[in-house]
Amino acid sequence: MAEYYVAIDGSDIANGSSSTPWKTISRAMQVQLSPAMRSW
């Protein structure tokens, strides 16, 4: 299962992993999530 992360100290050019999260929800919304994916 793929998991994506957003954090206030993240970067929207990151890959969304727990070690390199995105900064904004807007960036996370650009990913088409399937039922087997989660965003935190």
PDB file of N, CA and C in Angstrom:
ATOM      1  N   MET A   1       0.836  -1.167   0.000  1.00  0.00           N
ATOM      2  CA  MET A   1       0.000   0.000   0.000  1.00  0.00           C
ATOM      3  C   MET A   1       0.887   1.238   0.000  1.00  0.00           C
ATOM      4  N   ALA A   2       0.621   2.146  -0.891  1.00  0.00           N
ATOM      5  CA  ALA A   2       1.371   3.406  -0.950  1.00  0.00           C
ATOM      6  C   ALA A   2       0.800   4.377   0.077  1.00  0.00           C
ATOM      7  N   GLU A   3       1.672   5.096   0.751  1.00  0.00           N
ATOM      8  CA  GLU A   3       1.269   6.120   1.707  1.00  0.00           C
ATOM      9  C   GLU A   3       2.001   7.406   1.379  1.00  0.00           C
ATOM     10  N   TYR A   4       1.293   8.518   1.450  1.00  0.00           N
ATOM     11  CA  TYR A   4       1.865   9.823   1.166  1.00  0.00           C
ATOM     12  C   TYR A   4       1.700  10.709   2.383  1.00  0.00           C
ATOM     13  N   TYR A   5       2.653  11.615   2.597  1.00  0.00           N
ATOM     14  CA  TYR A   5       2.666  12.459   3.789  1.00  0.00           C
ATOM     15  C   TYR A   5       2.760  13.938   3.433  1.00  0.00           C
ATOM     16  N   VAL A   6       2.124  14.756   4.265  1.00  0.00           N
ATOM     17  CA  VAL A   6       2.165  16.206   4.154  1.00  0.00           C
ATOM     18  C   VAL A   6       2.619  16.735   5.511  1.00  0.00           C
ATOM     19  N   ALA A   7       3.527  17.710   5.519  1.00  0.00           N
ATOM     20  CA  ALA A   7       4.017  18.296   6.765  1.00  0.00           C
ATOM     21  C   ALA A   7       4.337  19.771   6.546  1.00  0.00           C
ATOM     22  N   ILE A   8       4.223  20.561   7.603  1.00  0.00           N
ATOM     23  CA  ILE A   8       4.475  22.001   7.465  1.00  0.00           C
ATOM     24  C   ILE A   8       5.912  22.305   7.070  1.00  0.00           C
ATOM     25  N   ASP A   9       6.831  21.396   7.366  1.00  0.00           N
ATOM     26  CA  ASP A   9       8.222  21.608   6.974  1.00  0.00           C
ATOM     27  C   ASP A   9       8.599  20.791   5.732  1.00  0.00           C
ATOM     28  N   GLY A  10       7.579  20.316   4.991  1.00  0.00           N
ATOM     29  CA  GLY A  10       7.812  19.537   3.780  1.00  0.00           C
ATOM     30  C   GLY A  10       8.115  20.418   2.580  1.00  0.00           C
ATOM     31  N   SER A  11       8.149  19.800   1.413  1.00  0.00           N
ATOM     32  CA  SER A  11       8.425  20.500   0.160  1.00  0.00           C
ATOM     33  C   SER A  11       7.544  19.906  -0.930  1.00  0.00           C
ATOM     34  N   ASP A  12       6.921  20.747  -1.717  1.00  0.00           N
ATOM     35  CA  ASP A  12       6.065  20.249  -2.786  1.00  0.00           C
ATOM     36  C   ASP A  12       6.838  19.649  -3.950  1.00  0.00           C
ATOM     37  N   ILE A  13       8.162  19.734  -3.941  1.00  0.00           N
ATOM     38  CA  ILE A  13       8.954  19.035  -4.959  1.00  0.00           C
ATOM     39  C   ILE A  13       9.486  17.700  -4.437  1.00  0.00           C
ATOM     40  N   ALA A  14       9.160  17.383  -3.186  1.00  0.00           N
ATOM     41  CA  ALA A  14       9.553  16.101  -2.591  1.00  0.00           C
ATOM     42  C   ALA A  14       8.677  14.982  -3.166  1.00  0.00           C
ATOM     43  N   ASN A  15       8.908  13.753  -2.721  1.00  0.00           N
ATOM     44  CA  ASN A  15       8.142  12.620  -3.252  1.00  0.00           C
ATOM     45  C   ASN A  15       6.964  12.207  -2.371  1.00  0.00           C
ATOM     46  N   GLY A  16       6.727  12.919  -1.260  1.00  0.00           N
ATOM     47  CA  GLY A  16       5.575  12.627  -0.422  1.00  0.00           C
ATOM     48  C   GLY A  16       5.765  11.478   0.549  1.00  0.00           C
ATOM     49  N   SER A  17       6.980  11.004   0.715  1.00  0.00           N
ATOM     50  CA  SER A  17       7.236   9.908   1.657  1.00  0.00           C
ATOM     51  C   SER A  17       7.304  10.458   3.082  1.00  0.00           C
ATOM     52  N   SER A  18       7.363   9.588   4.072  1.00  0.00           N
ATOM     53  CA  SER A  18       7.434  10.047   5.461  1.00  0.00           C
ATOM     54  C   SER A  18       8.733  10.797   5.739  1.00  0.00           C
ATOM     55  N   SER A  19       9.808  10.459   5.032  1.00  0.00           N
ATOM     56  CA  SER A  19      11.078  11.160   5.250  1.00  0.00           C
ATOM     57  C   SER A  19      11.198  12.435   4.423  1.00  0.00           C
ATOM     58  N   THR A  20      10.447  12.538   3.318  1.00  0.00           N
ATOM     59  CA  THR A  20      10.432  13.754   2.491  1.00  0.00           C
ATOM     60  C   THR A  20       8.984  14.083   2.109  1.00  0.00           C
ATOM     61  N   PRO A  21       8.211  14.584   3.078  1.00  0.00           N
ATOM     62  CA  PRO A  21       6.792  14.853   2.829  1.00  0.00           C
ATOM     63  C   PRO A  21       6.564  16.084   1.962  1.00  0.00           C
ATOM     64  N   TRP A  22       5.347  16.187   1.425  1.00  0.00           N
ATOM     65  CA  TRP A  22       4.941  17.390   0.713  1.00  0.00           C
ATOM     66  C   TRP A  22       4.617  18.476   1.712  1.00  0.00           C
ATOM     67  N   LYS A  23       4.548  19.716   1.253  1.00  0.00           N
ATOM     68  CA  LYS A  23       4.246  20.843   2.119  1.00  0.00           C
ATOM     69  C   LYS A  23       2.754  21.182   2.138  1.00  0.00           C
ATOM     70  N   THR A  24       2.067  20.982   1.014  1.00  0.00           N
ATOM     71  CA  THR A  24       0.676  21.431   0.924  1.00  0.00           C
ATOM     72  C   THR A  24      -0.289  20.296   0.562  1.00  0.00           C
ATOM     73  N   ILE A  25      -1.518  20.463   1.027  1.00  0.00           N
ATOM     74  CA  ILE A  25      -2.584  19.539   0.651  1.00  0.00           C
ATOM     75  C   ILE A  25      -2.842  19.635  -0.854  1.00  0.00           C
ATOM     76  N   SER A  26      -2.664  20.832  -1.412  1.00  0.00           N
ATOM     77  CA  SER A  26      -2.858  21.008  -2.857  1.00  0.00           C
ATOM     78  C   SER A  26      -1.971  20.060  -3.644  1.00  0.00           C
ATOM     79  N   ARG A  27      -0.733  19.889  -3.214  1.00  0.00           N
ATOM     80  CA  ARG A  27       0.194  18.967  -3.896  1.00  0.00           C
ATOM     81  C   ARG A  27      -0.293  17.533  -3.746  1.00  0.00           C
ATOM     82  N   ALA A  28      -0.754  17.171  -2.569  1.00  0.00           N
ATOM     83  CA  ALA A  28      -1.246  15.810  -2.349  1.00  0.00           C
ATOM     84  C   ALA A  28      -2.479  15.522  -3.207  1.00  0.00           C
ATOM     85  N   MET A  29      -3.304  16.528  -3.451  1.00  0.00           N
ATOM     86  CA  MET A  29      -4.508  16.347  -4.250  1.00  0.00           C
ATOM     87  C   MET A  29      -4.195  16.138  -5.730  1.00  0.00           C
ATOM     88  N   GLN A  30      -2.974  16.416  -6.155  1.00  0.00           N
ATOM     89  CA  GLN A  30      -2.580  16.196  -7.545  1.00  0.00           C
ATOM     90  C   GLN A  30      -2.331  14.719  -7.846  1.00  0.00           C
ATOM     91  N   VAL A  31      -2.186  13.917  -6.806  1.00  0.00           N
ATOM     92  CA  VAL A  31      -1.953  12.480  -6.967  1.00  0.00           C
ATOM     93  C   VAL A  31      -3.300  11.782  -7.025  1.00  0.00           C
ATOM     94  N   GLN A  32      -3.498  10.945  -8.023  1.00  0.00           N
ATOM     95  CA  GLN A  32      -4.741  10.195  -8.101  1.00  0.00           C
ATOM     96  C   GLN A  32      -4.606   8.973  -7.210  1.00  0.00           C
ATOM     97  N   LEU A  33      -5.282   9.020  -6.074  1.00  0.00           N
ATOM     98  CA  LEU A  33      -5.205   7.924  -5.117  1.00  0.00           C
ATOM     99  C   LEU A  33      -6.158   6.802  -5.509  1.00  0.00           C
ATOM    100  N   SER A  34      -5.670   5.580  -5.406  1.00  0.00           N
ATOM    101  CA  SER A  34      -6.518   4.412  -5.609  1.00  0.00           C
ATOM    102  C   SER A  34      -6.928   3.914  -4.218  1.00  0.00           C
ATOM    103  N   PRO A  35      -7.845   2.961  -4.125  1.00  0.00           N
ATOM    104  CA  PRO A  35      -8.272   2.472  -2.800  1.00  0.00           C
ATOM    105  C   PRO A  35      -7.133   1.911  -1.956  1.00  0.00           C
ATOM    106  N   ALA A  36      -6.017   1.528  -2.565  1.00  0.00           N
ATOM    107  CA  ALA A  36      -4.909   0.956  -1.801  1.00  0.00           C
ATOM    108  C   ALA A  36      -3.888   2.005  -1.379  1.00  0.00           C
ATOM    109  N   MET A  37      -4.208   3.301  -1.522  1.00  0.00           N
ATOM    110  CA  MET A  37      -3.291   4.370  -1.162  1.00  0.00           C
ATOM    111  C   MET A  37      -3.887   5.238  -0.060  1.00  0.00           C
ATOM    112  N   ARG A  38      -3.003   5.859   0.727  1.00  0.00           N
ATOM    113  CA  ARG A  38      -3.445   6.756   1.793  1.00  0.00           C
ATOM    114  C   ARG A  38      -2.589   8.004   1.783  1.00  0.00           C
ATOM    115  N   SER A  39      -3.175   9.108   2.229  1.00  0.00           N
ATOM    116  CA  SER A  39      -2.375  10.304   2.472  1.00  0.00           C
ATOM    117  C   SER A  39      -2.569  10.712   3.922  1.00  0.00           C
ATOM    118  N   TRP A  40      -1.492  11.151   4.549  1.00  0.00           N
ATOM    119  CA  TRP A  40      -1.505  11.520   5.979  1.00  0.00           C
ATOM    120  C   TRP A  40      -1.239  12.981   6.113  1.00  0.00           C
TER     121      TRP A  40
END
